[in-house]
N, C-alpha and C. Protein backbone atom coordinates (compact mmCIF):
# COMPACT_ATOMS: atom_id res chain seq x y z
N MET A 1 103.07 105.12 87.07
CA MET A 1 103.93 105.75 88.09
C MET A 1 104.15 107.22 87.74
N ASP A 2 104.15 108.04 88.75
CA ASP A 2 104.31 109.47 88.56
C ASP A 2 105.63 109.78 87.85
N VAL A 3 105.58 110.74 86.93
CA VAL A 3 106.78 111.12 86.16
C VAL A 3 107.88 111.64 87.07
N LEU A 4 107.50 112.38 88.10
CA LEU A 4 108.48 112.92 89.04
C LEU A 4 109.22 111.80 89.75
N VAL A 5 108.49 110.76 90.15
CA VAL A 5 109.11 109.63 90.84
C VAL A 5 110.09 108.92 89.92
N ILE A 6 109.69 108.72 88.67
CA ILE A 6 110.57 108.08 87.68
C ILE A 6 111.84 108.90 87.49
N SER A 7 111.68 110.22 87.44
CA SER A 7 112.83 111.11 87.25
C SER A 7 113.80 110.99 88.42
N VAL A 8 113.26 110.95 89.66
CA VAL A 8 114.11 110.84 90.85
C VAL A 8 114.85 109.51 90.84
N ILE A 9 114.15 108.42 90.48
CA ILE A 9 114.79 107.10 90.43
C ILE A 9 115.91 107.09 89.39
N PHE A 10 115.64 107.65 88.23
CA PHE A 10 116.65 107.70 87.16
C PHE A 10 117.87 108.50 87.59
N ARG A 11 117.63 109.66 88.20
CA ARG A 11 118.73 110.51 88.64
C ARG A 11 119.54 109.84 89.75
N THR A 12 118.86 109.11 90.62
CA THR A 12 119.56 108.40 91.68
C THR A 12 120.47 107.32 91.11
N LEU A 13 119.99 106.60 90.11
CA LEU A 13 120.80 105.57 89.46
C LEU A 13 122.02 106.17 88.77
N ILE A 14 121.82 107.27 88.08
CA ILE A 14 122.93 107.95 87.40
C ILE A 14 123.98 108.40 88.42
N THR A 15 123.50 108.99 89.51
CA THR A 15 124.41 109.45 90.57
C THR A 15 125.20 108.29 91.15
N TYR A 16 124.51 107.20 91.42
CA TYR A 16 125.16 106.02 91.98
C TYR A 16 126.25 105.49 91.06
N LEU A 17 125.97 105.40 89.77
CA LEU A 17 126.93 104.85 88.81
C LEU A 17 128.17 105.72 88.69
N ILE A 18 127.98 107.03 88.67
CA ILE A 18 129.13 107.94 88.53
C ILE A 18 130.00 107.89 89.78
N ILE A 19 129.38 107.93 90.95
CA ILE A 19 130.15 107.86 92.20
C ILE A 19 130.87 106.52 92.31
N LEU A 20 130.21 105.45 91.87
CA LEU A 20 130.83 104.13 91.86
C LEU A 20 132.06 104.11 90.97
N LEU A 21 131.98 104.77 89.81
CA LEU A 21 133.13 104.86 88.90
C LEU A 21 134.30 105.58 89.57
N VAL A 22 134.00 106.68 90.26
CA VAL A 22 135.05 107.44 90.94
C VAL A 22 135.74 106.56 91.99
N PHE A 23 134.95 105.81 92.76
CA PHE A 23 135.51 104.92 93.76
C PHE A 23 136.41 103.86 93.12
N ARG A 24 135.96 103.32 92.01
CA ARG A 24 136.73 102.28 91.33
C ARG A 24 138.07 102.82 90.86
N PHE A 25 138.08 104.04 90.33
CA PHE A 25 139.32 104.62 89.83
C PHE A 25 140.25 105.07 90.95
N MET A 26 139.73 105.20 92.16
CA MET A 26 140.57 105.59 93.30
C MET A 26 141.40 104.42 93.79
N GLY A 27 141.06 103.20 93.38
CA GLY A 27 141.84 102.04 93.81
C GLY A 27 141.38 101.52 95.15
N LYS A 28 142.07 100.49 95.63
CA LYS A 28 141.67 99.80 96.86
C LYS A 28 142.38 100.42 98.06
N ARG A 29 141.73 101.44 98.64
CA ARG A 29 142.26 102.07 99.84
C ARG A 29 141.17 102.15 100.89
N GLU A 30 141.59 102.08 102.14
CA GLU A 30 140.63 102.21 103.23
C GLU A 30 140.21 103.67 103.36
N ILE A 31 139.01 103.87 103.91
CA ILE A 31 138.49 105.22 104.07
C ILE A 31 139.44 106.08 104.89
N GLY A 32 140.06 105.50 105.92
CA GLY A 32 140.97 106.26 106.77
C GLY A 32 142.27 106.62 106.09
N GLU A 33 142.52 106.05 104.90
CA GLU A 33 143.76 106.32 104.19
C GLU A 33 143.55 107.23 102.98
N LEU A 34 142.38 107.82 102.87
CA LEU A 34 142.10 108.70 101.74
C LEU A 34 142.90 109.99 101.87
N SER A 35 143.33 110.50 100.72
CA SER A 35 144.08 111.74 100.71
C SER A 35 143.14 112.93 100.81
N VAL A 36 143.73 114.12 101.01
CA VAL A 36 142.93 115.34 101.07
C VAL A 36 142.17 115.55 99.76
N MET A 37 142.85 115.25 98.66
CA MET A 37 142.22 115.42 97.36
C MET A 37 141.01 114.49 97.21
N ASP A 38 141.14 113.26 97.69
CA ASP A 38 140.03 112.31 97.64
C ASP A 38 138.83 112.84 98.42
N LEU A 39 139.11 113.37 99.60
CA LEU A 39 138.02 113.88 100.44
C LEU A 39 137.32 115.07 99.79
N VAL A 40 138.10 115.94 99.13
CA VAL A 40 137.51 117.08 98.42
C VAL A 40 136.57 116.59 97.33
N VAL A 41 137.01 115.59 96.57
CA VAL A 41 136.18 115.02 95.51
C VAL A 41 134.89 114.44 96.10
N PHE A 42 135.00 113.73 97.23
CA PHE A 42 133.82 113.14 97.86
C PHE A 42 132.81 114.21 98.26
N ILE A 43 133.32 115.27 98.89
CA ILE A 43 132.42 116.34 99.35
C ILE A 43 131.71 116.99 98.17
N MET A 44 132.46 117.26 97.11
CA MET A 44 131.86 117.88 95.93
C MET A 44 130.85 116.95 95.26
N LEU A 45 131.19 115.66 95.20
CA LEU A 45 130.25 114.70 94.62
C LEU A 45 128.96 114.64 95.43
N ALA A 46 129.10 114.69 96.75
CA ALA A 46 127.92 114.64 97.61
C ALA A 46 127.01 115.84 97.35
N GLU A 47 127.60 117.02 97.21
CA GLU A 47 126.82 118.23 96.96
C GLU A 47 126.12 118.14 95.60
N ILE A 48 126.85 117.67 94.60
CA ILE A 48 126.26 117.55 93.26
C ILE A 48 125.16 116.50 93.25
N ALA A 49 125.38 115.41 94.00
CA ALA A 49 124.38 114.33 94.07
C ALA A 49 123.08 114.85 94.67
N VAL A 50 123.18 115.67 95.72
CA VAL A 50 121.98 116.24 96.34
C VAL A 50 121.23 117.11 95.33
N PHE A 51 121.98 117.90 94.57
CA PHE A 51 121.35 118.75 93.56
C PHE A 51 120.66 117.91 92.49
N LEU A 52 121.35 116.86 92.06
CA LEU A 52 120.82 116.02 90.99
C LEU A 52 119.53 115.32 91.39
N ILE A 53 119.43 114.88 92.64
CA ILE A 53 118.26 114.12 93.09
C ILE A 53 117.13 115.04 93.55
N GLU A 54 117.48 116.13 94.25
CA GLU A 54 116.45 116.98 94.85
C GLU A 54 115.91 118.05 93.92
N GLU A 55 116.53 118.23 92.77
CA GLU A 55 116.06 119.25 91.82
C GLU A 55 115.67 118.58 90.50
N PRO A 56 114.58 117.84 90.50
CA PRO A 56 114.18 117.11 89.30
C PRO A 56 113.79 118.02 88.13
N ASP A 57 113.50 119.29 88.43
CA ASP A 57 113.12 120.21 87.35
C ASP A 57 114.34 120.73 86.59
N GLU A 58 115.51 120.64 87.22
CA GLU A 58 116.73 121.10 86.56
C GLU A 58 117.21 120.07 85.54
N GLU A 59 117.85 120.56 84.48
CA GLU A 59 118.37 119.64 83.46
C GLU A 59 119.48 118.79 84.04
N ILE A 60 119.47 117.50 83.71
CA ILE A 60 120.38 116.54 84.32
C ILE A 60 121.85 116.80 83.96
N TRP A 61 122.09 117.39 82.79
CA TRP A 61 123.47 117.60 82.37
C TRP A 61 124.20 118.60 83.28
N LYS A 62 123.43 119.46 83.98
CA LYS A 62 124.05 120.44 84.88
C LYS A 62 124.75 119.75 86.05
N ALA A 63 124.36 118.53 86.34
CA ALA A 63 125.01 117.77 87.41
C ALA A 63 125.99 116.75 86.84
N ILE A 64 125.63 116.14 85.70
CA ILE A 64 126.48 115.10 85.12
C ILE A 64 127.82 115.67 84.64
N VAL A 65 127.79 116.86 84.04
CA VAL A 65 129.05 117.46 83.54
C VAL A 65 130.05 117.71 84.66
N PRO A 66 129.65 118.38 85.78
CA PRO A 66 130.63 118.56 86.86
C PRO A 66 131.11 117.25 87.45
N MET A 67 130.23 116.24 87.54
CA MET A 67 130.65 114.95 88.08
C MET A 67 131.64 114.28 87.14
N ALA A 68 131.43 114.42 85.85
CA ALA A 68 132.36 113.86 84.86
C ALA A 68 133.71 114.57 84.93
N VAL A 69 133.66 115.88 85.18
CA VAL A 69 134.91 116.65 85.31
C VAL A 69 135.69 116.17 86.54
N LEU A 70 134.98 115.96 87.66
CA LEU A 70 135.63 115.44 88.86
C LEU A 70 136.23 114.07 88.63
N LEU A 71 135.52 113.23 87.87
CA LEU A 71 136.04 111.90 87.55
C LEU A 71 137.31 112.02 86.72
N ALA A 72 137.30 112.93 85.75
CA ALA A 72 138.49 113.14 84.91
C ALA A 72 139.66 113.66 85.74
N ILE A 73 139.38 114.56 86.69
CA ILE A 73 140.43 115.08 87.57
C ILE A 73 141.01 113.95 88.41
N GLN A 74 140.13 113.08 88.92
CA GLN A 74 140.57 111.98 89.76
C GLN A 74 141.47 111.02 88.98
N ILE A 75 141.05 110.69 87.76
CA ILE A 75 141.84 109.78 86.92
C ILE A 75 143.17 110.42 86.55
N GLY A 76 143.11 111.70 86.16
CA GLY A 76 144.34 112.40 85.75
C GLY A 76 145.34 112.53 86.89
N SER A 77 144.84 112.90 88.08
CA SER A 77 145.74 113.07 89.23
C SER A 77 146.34 111.73 89.66
N ALA A 78 145.53 110.65 89.55
CA ALA A 78 146.04 109.32 89.90
C ALA A 78 147.15 108.90 88.95
N TRP A 79 146.98 109.21 87.68
CA TRP A 79 148.00 108.85 86.67
C TRP A 79 149.28 109.65 86.90
N ILE A 80 149.13 110.95 87.16
CA ILE A 80 150.31 111.80 87.40
C ILE A 80 151.02 111.35 88.67
N SER A 81 150.25 110.97 89.70
CA SER A 81 150.85 110.51 90.96
C SER A 81 151.72 109.28 90.75
N LEU A 82 151.29 108.39 89.85
CA LEU A 82 152.07 107.19 89.57
C LEU A 82 153.38 107.53 88.88
N LYS A 83 153.38 108.61 88.10
CA LYS A 83 154.55 108.97 87.30
C LYS A 83 155.46 109.98 87.99
N ASN A 84 154.90 110.76 88.91
CA ASN A 84 155.67 111.86 89.49
C ASN A 84 155.55 111.85 91.01
N GLN A 85 156.66 111.55 91.66
CA GLN A 85 156.64 111.45 93.13
C GLN A 85 156.44 112.81 93.79
N SER A 86 157.00 113.86 93.20
CA SER A 86 156.85 115.20 93.77
C SER A 86 155.37 115.61 93.81
N PHE A 87 154.67 115.30 92.72
CA PHE A 87 153.24 115.59 92.65
C PHE A 87 152.50 114.80 93.72
N ARG A 88 152.85 113.52 93.86
CA ARG A 88 152.20 112.66 94.85
C ARG A 88 152.45 113.17 96.27
N ASN A 89 153.67 113.58 96.55
CA ASN A 89 153.99 114.08 97.89
C ASN A 89 153.24 115.38 98.19
N TRP A 90 153.09 116.22 97.16
CA TRP A 90 152.43 117.52 97.35
C TRP A 90 150.95 117.34 97.64
N PHE A 91 150.31 116.42 96.90
CA PHE A 91 148.87 116.23 97.06
C PHE A 91 148.53 115.29 98.22
N ASP A 92 149.24 114.19 98.33
CA ASP A 92 148.92 113.19 99.36
C ASP A 92 149.67 113.42 100.66
N GLY A 93 150.78 114.15 100.60
CA GLY A 93 151.59 114.34 101.79
C GLY A 93 152.58 113.21 101.98
N LYS A 94 153.51 113.40 102.91
CA LYS A 94 154.53 112.39 103.18
C LYS A 94 154.47 111.99 104.65
N PRO A 95 154.85 110.76 104.95
CA PRO A 95 154.92 110.35 106.36
C PRO A 95 156.02 111.12 107.09
N SER A 96 155.80 111.38 108.37
CA SER A 96 156.77 112.12 109.17
C SER A 96 157.16 111.32 110.40
N VAL A 97 158.45 111.21 110.66
CA VAL A 97 158.93 110.51 111.85
C VAL A 97 158.81 111.45 113.04
N ILE A 98 157.91 111.09 113.98
CA ILE A 98 157.66 111.92 115.16
C ILE A 98 158.54 111.50 116.33
N ILE A 99 158.78 110.21 116.45
CA ILE A 99 159.64 109.68 117.53
C ILE A 99 160.72 108.81 116.90
N LYS A 100 161.95 109.03 117.34
CA LYS A 100 163.06 108.21 116.87
C LYS A 100 163.89 107.79 118.08
N HIS A 101 163.95 106.47 118.30
CA HIS A 101 164.69 105.89 119.42
C HIS A 101 164.32 106.54 120.75
N GLY A 102 163.01 106.68 120.97
CA GLY A 102 162.52 107.18 122.25
C GLY A 102 162.59 108.68 122.44
N ARG A 103 162.97 109.42 121.39
CA ARG A 103 163.08 110.87 121.49
C ARG A 103 162.09 111.53 120.53
N VAL A 104 161.32 112.49 121.06
CA VAL A 104 160.29 113.16 120.26
C VAL A 104 160.91 114.30 119.46
N ASP A 105 160.51 114.38 118.19
CA ASP A 105 160.97 115.47 117.32
C ASP A 105 159.92 116.59 117.39
N GLU A 106 160.14 117.55 118.29
CA GLU A 106 159.17 118.64 118.48
C GLU A 106 159.05 119.51 117.25
N TYR A 107 160.16 119.70 116.54
CA TYR A 107 160.13 120.54 115.34
C TYR A 107 159.18 119.95 114.30
N GLU A 108 159.29 118.63 114.09
CA GLU A 108 158.43 117.97 113.11
C GLU A 108 156.97 118.00 113.56
N MET A 109 156.74 117.89 114.85
CA MET A 109 155.38 117.98 115.37
C MET A 109 154.78 119.35 115.09
N ARG A 110 155.55 120.40 115.31
CA ARG A 110 155.05 121.76 115.03
C ARG A 110 154.79 121.93 113.54
N ARG A 111 155.67 121.38 112.73
CA ARG A 111 155.51 121.51 111.28
C ARG A 111 154.25 120.80 110.79
N GLN A 112 153.89 119.73 111.45
CA GLN A 112 152.69 118.97 111.07
C GLN A 112 151.45 119.42 111.85
N ARG A 113 151.62 120.46 112.70
CA ARG A 113 150.51 120.93 113.55
C ARG A 113 149.92 119.78 114.37
N TYR A 114 150.82 119.05 114.98
CA TYR A 114 150.47 117.84 115.74
C TYR A 114 150.92 118.05 117.17
N ASN A 115 150.00 117.98 118.12
CA ASN A 115 150.35 118.30 119.51
C ASN A 115 150.57 117.04 120.35
N PHE A 116 151.05 117.26 121.59
CA PHE A 116 151.39 116.14 122.47
C PHE A 116 150.15 115.37 122.91
N ASN A 117 149.02 116.05 123.02
CA ASN A 117 147.79 115.33 123.39
C ASN A 117 147.44 114.30 122.33
N ASP A 118 147.56 114.71 121.05
CA ASP A 118 147.30 113.77 119.95
C ASP A 118 148.29 112.61 120.00
N LEU A 119 149.55 112.94 120.22
CA LEU A 119 150.60 111.92 120.25
C LEU A 119 150.35 110.90 121.36
N LEU A 120 150.13 111.39 122.57
CA LEU A 120 149.94 110.48 123.71
C LEU A 120 148.67 109.64 123.55
N LEU A 121 147.62 110.26 123.00
CA LEU A 121 146.37 109.53 122.77
C LEU A 121 146.59 108.37 121.81
N GLN A 122 147.28 108.64 120.70
CA GLN A 122 147.49 107.60 119.71
C GLN A 122 148.48 106.54 120.20
N LEU A 123 149.43 106.94 121.03
CA LEU A 123 150.33 105.96 121.63
C LEU A 123 149.55 105.01 122.55
N ARG A 124 148.64 105.57 123.33
CA ARG A 124 147.82 104.74 124.23
C ARG A 124 146.95 103.78 123.43
N GLU A 125 146.47 104.23 122.29
CA GLU A 125 145.65 103.36 121.44
C GLU A 125 146.46 102.16 120.96
N HIS A 126 147.78 102.32 120.90
CA HIS A 126 148.66 101.21 120.51
C HIS A 126 149.15 100.43 121.73
N GLY A 127 148.66 100.81 122.91
CA GLY A 127 149.07 100.11 124.13
C GLY A 127 150.42 100.55 124.65
N VAL A 128 150.89 101.71 124.22
CA VAL A 128 152.20 102.23 124.65
C VAL A 128 151.99 103.38 125.63
N HIS A 129 152.64 103.33 126.77
CA HIS A 129 152.46 104.36 127.80
C HIS A 129 153.72 105.20 128.02
N GLU A 130 154.85 104.73 127.54
CA GLU A 130 156.10 105.47 127.71
C GLU A 130 156.73 105.73 126.34
N VAL A 131 157.06 107.01 126.10
CA VAL A 131 157.70 107.37 124.83
C VAL A 131 159.02 106.64 124.66
N GLN A 132 159.70 106.38 125.77
CA GLN A 132 161.00 105.72 125.74
C GLN A 132 160.92 104.28 125.21
N ASP A 133 159.71 103.72 125.22
CA ASP A 133 159.53 102.35 124.72
C ASP A 133 159.38 102.29 123.20
N VAL A 134 159.33 103.46 122.57
CA VAL A 134 159.09 103.54 121.12
C VAL A 134 160.40 103.70 120.36
N ALA A 135 160.62 102.82 119.40
CA ALA A 135 161.80 102.97 118.53
C ALA A 135 161.51 104.02 117.47
N TYR A 136 160.37 103.87 116.81
CA TYR A 136 159.94 104.84 115.80
C TYR A 136 158.43 105.02 115.89
N ALA A 137 157.97 106.25 115.71
CA ALA A 137 156.55 106.54 115.56
C ALA A 137 156.42 107.43 114.32
N VAL A 138 155.64 106.98 113.36
CA VAL A 138 155.53 107.67 112.07
C VAL A 138 154.11 108.18 111.89
N LEU A 139 153.98 109.47 111.67
CA LEU A 139 152.68 110.07 111.38
C LEU A 139 152.42 109.96 109.88
N GLU A 140 151.43 109.14 109.53
CA GLU A 140 151.12 108.89 108.12
C GLU A 140 150.33 110.07 107.54
N PRO A 141 150.31 110.21 106.20
CA PRO A 141 149.55 111.30 105.57
C PRO A 141 148.07 111.29 105.94
N SER A 142 147.53 110.11 106.29
CA SER A 142 146.12 110.00 106.66
C SER A 142 145.85 110.50 108.08
N GLY A 143 146.92 110.77 108.86
CA GLY A 143 146.77 111.18 110.25
C GLY A 143 146.93 110.03 111.22
N LYS A 144 147.06 108.82 110.70
CA LYS A 144 147.26 107.65 111.54
C LYS A 144 148.70 107.60 112.02
N LEU A 145 148.89 107.18 113.27
CA LEU A 145 150.23 107.06 113.83
C LEU A 145 150.65 105.59 113.82
N SER A 146 151.73 105.29 113.10
CA SER A 146 152.29 103.94 113.09
C SER A 146 153.39 103.87 114.14
N VAL A 147 153.27 102.90 115.04
CA VAL A 147 154.20 102.81 116.17
C VAL A 147 154.99 101.51 116.10
N PHE A 148 156.31 101.63 116.26
CA PHE A 148 157.20 100.47 116.27
C PHE A 148 157.93 100.47 117.62
N GLU A 149 157.56 99.52 118.44
CA GLU A 149 158.15 99.46 119.78
C GLU A 149 159.55 98.83 119.75
N LYS A 150 160.33 99.20 120.78
CA LYS A 150 161.68 98.65 120.90
C LYS A 150 161.62 97.18 121.32
N LYS A 151 162.51 96.40 120.75
CA LYS A 151 162.66 95.02 121.19
C LYS A 151 163.64 94.98 122.36
N GLU A 152 163.88 93.81 122.88
CA GLU A 152 164.78 93.69 124.03
C GLU A 152 166.20 94.15 123.71
N ASP A 153 166.62 93.99 122.43
CA ASP A 153 167.97 94.42 122.05
C ASP A 153 168.01 95.89 121.62
N GLY A 154 166.88 96.60 121.75
CA GLY A 154 166.84 98.02 121.40
C GLY A 154 166.49 98.31 119.96
N THR A 155 166.36 97.29 119.13
CA THR A 155 166.02 97.49 117.72
C THR A 155 164.50 97.38 117.53
N SER A 156 164.06 97.54 116.27
CA SER A 156 162.64 97.44 115.96
C SER A 156 162.47 96.86 114.56
N ASP A 157 161.22 96.69 114.16
CA ASP A 157 160.93 96.17 112.82
C ASP A 157 160.80 97.28 111.78
N TYR A 158 161.03 98.51 112.20
CA TYR A 158 160.86 99.64 111.28
C TYR A 158 162.00 99.67 110.26
N ALA A 159 161.64 99.89 109.00
CA ALA A 159 162.63 100.01 107.93
C ALA A 159 162.51 101.39 107.28
N VAL A 160 163.61 102.09 107.20
CA VAL A 160 163.64 103.43 106.62
C VAL A 160 163.74 103.32 105.10
N VAL A 161 162.89 104.06 104.40
CA VAL A 161 162.89 104.04 102.93
C VAL A 161 163.98 104.98 102.42
N LEU A 162 164.89 104.44 101.63
CA LEU A 162 165.98 105.24 101.07
C LEU A 162 165.76 105.55 99.58
N ILE A 163 165.08 104.64 98.90
CA ILE A 163 164.75 104.85 97.49
C ILE A 163 163.30 104.40 97.26
N ALA A 164 162.54 105.21 96.57
CA ALA A 164 161.16 104.86 96.22
C ALA A 164 160.88 105.31 94.80
N ASP A 165 160.37 104.40 93.99
CA ASP A 165 160.07 104.71 92.58
C ASP A 165 161.29 105.24 91.83
N GLY A 166 162.45 104.72 92.17
CA GLY A 166 163.66 105.12 91.45
C GLY A 166 164.20 106.48 91.84
N GLU A 167 163.75 107.03 92.98
CA GLU A 167 164.22 108.34 93.44
C GLU A 167 164.74 108.24 94.87
N ILE A 168 165.88 108.86 95.12
CA ILE A 168 166.48 108.85 96.46
C ILE A 168 165.63 109.70 97.41
N GLN A 169 165.35 109.15 98.59
CA GLN A 169 164.57 109.85 99.60
C GLN A 169 165.51 110.55 100.58
N LYS A 170 165.61 111.86 100.42
CA LYS A 170 166.50 112.63 101.28
C LYS A 170 166.12 112.51 102.75
N SER A 171 164.81 112.45 103.01
CA SER A 171 164.34 112.35 104.39
C SER A 171 164.83 111.05 105.04
N GLY A 172 164.87 109.97 104.23
CA GLY A 172 165.35 108.69 104.75
C GLY A 172 166.83 108.73 105.08
N LEU A 173 167.62 109.35 104.20
CA LEU A 173 169.05 109.48 104.45
C LEU A 173 169.31 110.34 105.70
N LYS A 174 168.47 111.35 105.89
CA LYS A 174 168.62 112.22 107.06
C LYS A 174 168.36 111.44 108.35
N ILE A 175 167.37 110.54 108.32
CA ILE A 175 167.03 109.76 109.51
C ILE A 175 168.20 108.88 109.95
N ILE A 176 168.87 108.25 108.96
CA ILE A 176 169.96 107.33 109.31
C ILE A 176 171.32 108.03 109.34
N GLY A 177 171.35 109.31 109.00
CA GLY A 177 172.59 110.07 109.06
C GLY A 177 173.62 109.67 108.01
N LYS A 178 173.14 109.30 106.82
CA LYS A 178 174.03 108.91 105.74
C LYS A 178 173.90 109.87 104.56
N SER A 179 174.90 109.83 103.67
CA SER A 179 174.92 110.73 102.52
C SER A 179 174.45 110.03 101.26
N ARG A 180 174.18 110.82 100.25
CA ARG A 180 173.81 110.29 98.93
C ARG A 180 174.95 109.45 98.36
N ARG A 181 176.17 109.91 98.58
CA ARG A 181 177.33 109.18 98.07
C ARG A 181 177.41 107.79 98.70
N TRP A 182 177.14 107.71 99.98
CA TRP A 182 177.16 106.41 100.68
C TRP A 182 176.16 105.45 100.05
N LEU A 183 174.96 105.96 99.76
CA LEU A 183 173.91 105.11 99.18
C LEU A 183 174.29 104.65 97.77
N LEU A 184 174.85 105.56 96.98
CA LEU A 184 175.25 105.20 95.61
C LEU A 184 176.33 104.12 95.62
N GLU A 185 177.24 104.21 96.59
CA GLU A 185 178.28 103.18 96.71
C GLU A 185 177.66 101.82 97.01
N ARG A 186 176.65 101.80 97.88
CA ARG A 186 175.97 100.54 98.20
C ARG A 186 175.21 99.99 96.99
N LEU A 187 174.65 100.90 96.21
CA LEU A 187 173.94 100.48 95.00
C LEU A 187 174.88 99.81 94.01
N HIS A 188 176.02 100.45 93.77
CA HIS A 188 177.00 99.90 92.83
C HIS A 188 177.54 98.56 93.32
N HIS A 189 177.67 98.44 94.64
CA HIS A 189 178.15 97.18 95.22
C HIS A 189 177.15 96.05 94.96
N GLN A 190 175.86 96.40 94.86
CA GLN A 190 174.82 95.42 94.59
C GLN A 190 174.60 95.17 93.09
N GLY A 191 175.37 95.88 92.25
CA GLY A 191 175.29 95.66 90.81
C GLY A 191 174.36 96.60 90.08
N TYR A 192 173.88 97.65 90.76
CA TYR A 192 173.00 98.63 90.10
C TYR A 192 173.85 99.81 89.61
N ASN A 193 173.62 100.21 88.37
CA ASN A 193 174.37 101.33 87.81
C ASN A 193 173.69 102.67 88.04
N GLU A 194 172.36 102.66 88.12
CA GLU A 194 171.60 103.89 88.32
C GLU A 194 170.53 103.69 89.38
N VAL A 195 170.17 104.79 90.01
CA VAL A 195 169.12 104.75 91.05
C VAL A 195 167.79 104.35 90.42
N LYS A 196 167.56 104.74 89.17
CA LYS A 196 166.29 104.46 88.50
C LYS A 196 166.03 102.96 88.32
N GLU A 197 167.07 102.16 88.47
CA GLU A 197 166.91 100.71 88.32
C GLU A 197 166.25 100.09 89.55
N VAL A 198 166.17 100.85 90.65
CA VAL A 198 165.63 100.33 91.91
C VAL A 198 164.26 100.94 92.18
N SER A 199 163.26 100.09 92.41
CA SER A 199 161.93 100.60 92.73
C SER A 199 161.82 100.91 94.22
N LEU A 200 162.49 100.10 95.06
CA LEU A 200 162.42 100.32 96.50
C LEU A 200 163.70 99.85 97.17
N CYS A 201 164.21 100.67 98.08
CA CYS A 201 165.37 100.31 98.88
C CYS A 201 165.11 100.75 100.32
N THR A 202 165.24 99.81 101.25
CA THR A 202 165.02 100.12 102.67
C THR A 202 166.21 99.64 103.49
N ILE A 203 166.31 100.18 104.70
CA ILE A 203 167.34 99.75 105.63
C ILE A 203 166.71 99.57 107.01
N ASN A 204 167.02 98.45 107.68
CA ASN A 204 166.43 98.20 108.99
C ASN A 204 167.38 98.64 110.10
N ASP A 205 166.98 98.42 111.33
CA ASP A 205 167.78 98.86 112.48
C ASP A 205 169.11 98.12 112.60
N GLN A 206 169.19 96.97 111.95
CA GLN A 206 170.46 96.21 111.96
C GLN A 206 171.41 96.68 110.87
N GLY A 207 170.98 97.68 110.09
CA GLY A 207 171.82 98.21 109.01
C GLY A 207 171.77 97.38 107.74
N GLU A 208 170.79 96.49 107.64
CA GLU A 208 170.67 95.62 106.46
C GLU A 208 169.85 96.31 105.38
N LEU A 209 170.42 96.37 104.19
CA LEU A 209 169.75 96.99 103.05
C LEU A 209 168.95 95.95 102.27
N GLN A 210 167.75 96.32 101.86
CA GLN A 210 166.92 95.47 101.02
C GLN A 210 166.61 96.21 99.73
N PHE A 211 166.83 95.56 98.58
CA PHE A 211 166.60 96.18 97.28
C PHE A 211 165.51 95.45 96.52
N ASP A 212 164.69 96.22 95.81
CA ASP A 212 163.69 95.65 94.92
C ASP A 212 163.92 96.26 93.54
N GLN A 213 164.24 95.40 92.57
CA GLN A 213 164.56 95.89 91.23
C GLN A 213 163.31 96.36 90.51
N LYS A 214 163.45 97.43 89.76
CA LYS A 214 162.33 98.00 89.05
C LYS A 214 161.96 97.15 87.84
N ASN A 215 160.66 96.93 87.67
CA ASN A 215 160.13 96.18 86.52
C ASN A 215 160.78 94.81 86.36
N GLU A 216 161.05 94.13 87.47
CA GLU A 216 161.73 92.83 87.37
C GLU A 216 160.81 91.73 86.86
N PHE A 217 159.49 91.98 86.83
CA PHE A 217 158.56 90.98 86.34
C PHE A 217 158.14 91.22 84.89
N HIS A 218 158.80 92.18 84.24
CA HIS A 218 158.46 92.48 82.84
C HIS A 218 159.66 92.23 81.93
């Protein structure tokens, strides 16, 4: 077999294995839920892969080193994201409430560079034709619109996140019009001394709070 052909096959296998490693370290997420950082890594990997396969005369380390660096960045950023919510919000973005109880938040739409054509299109994709029928519509970091329609009693299945990873979510308190002091009082009433003891706290349209204790299985 021609040496050039063998070289291309070898480089293709190396490329495949490294990209597979990156995917594995990214965790189990759908393509539509990838963050901006994930997409940047994919684009760069694709460019490096083309170089590695189409330039058999170039030394292989010139492609493997940058791919290894991207893998290290991916692993490092994933680890920091698990430990630091601010870092995660900055890189992955945060969900934004676009509609609340049938009323559109135009300010939030402008801030997210999201127009009414996009909103109406995605509402129709959910089978919703009237904004007034929506209890909550949340624009996810991936660009997907999550829609919670009103029930007959005017409520919905949407739950506002008040605490995540042991940190109070100011945006959640703003949505329900409550203060930090109010939330801390509810925490103490449930037997929690510190916010860090709670991994997740949500409140539904009926005003019911749900708590999940941090590290309760360890």
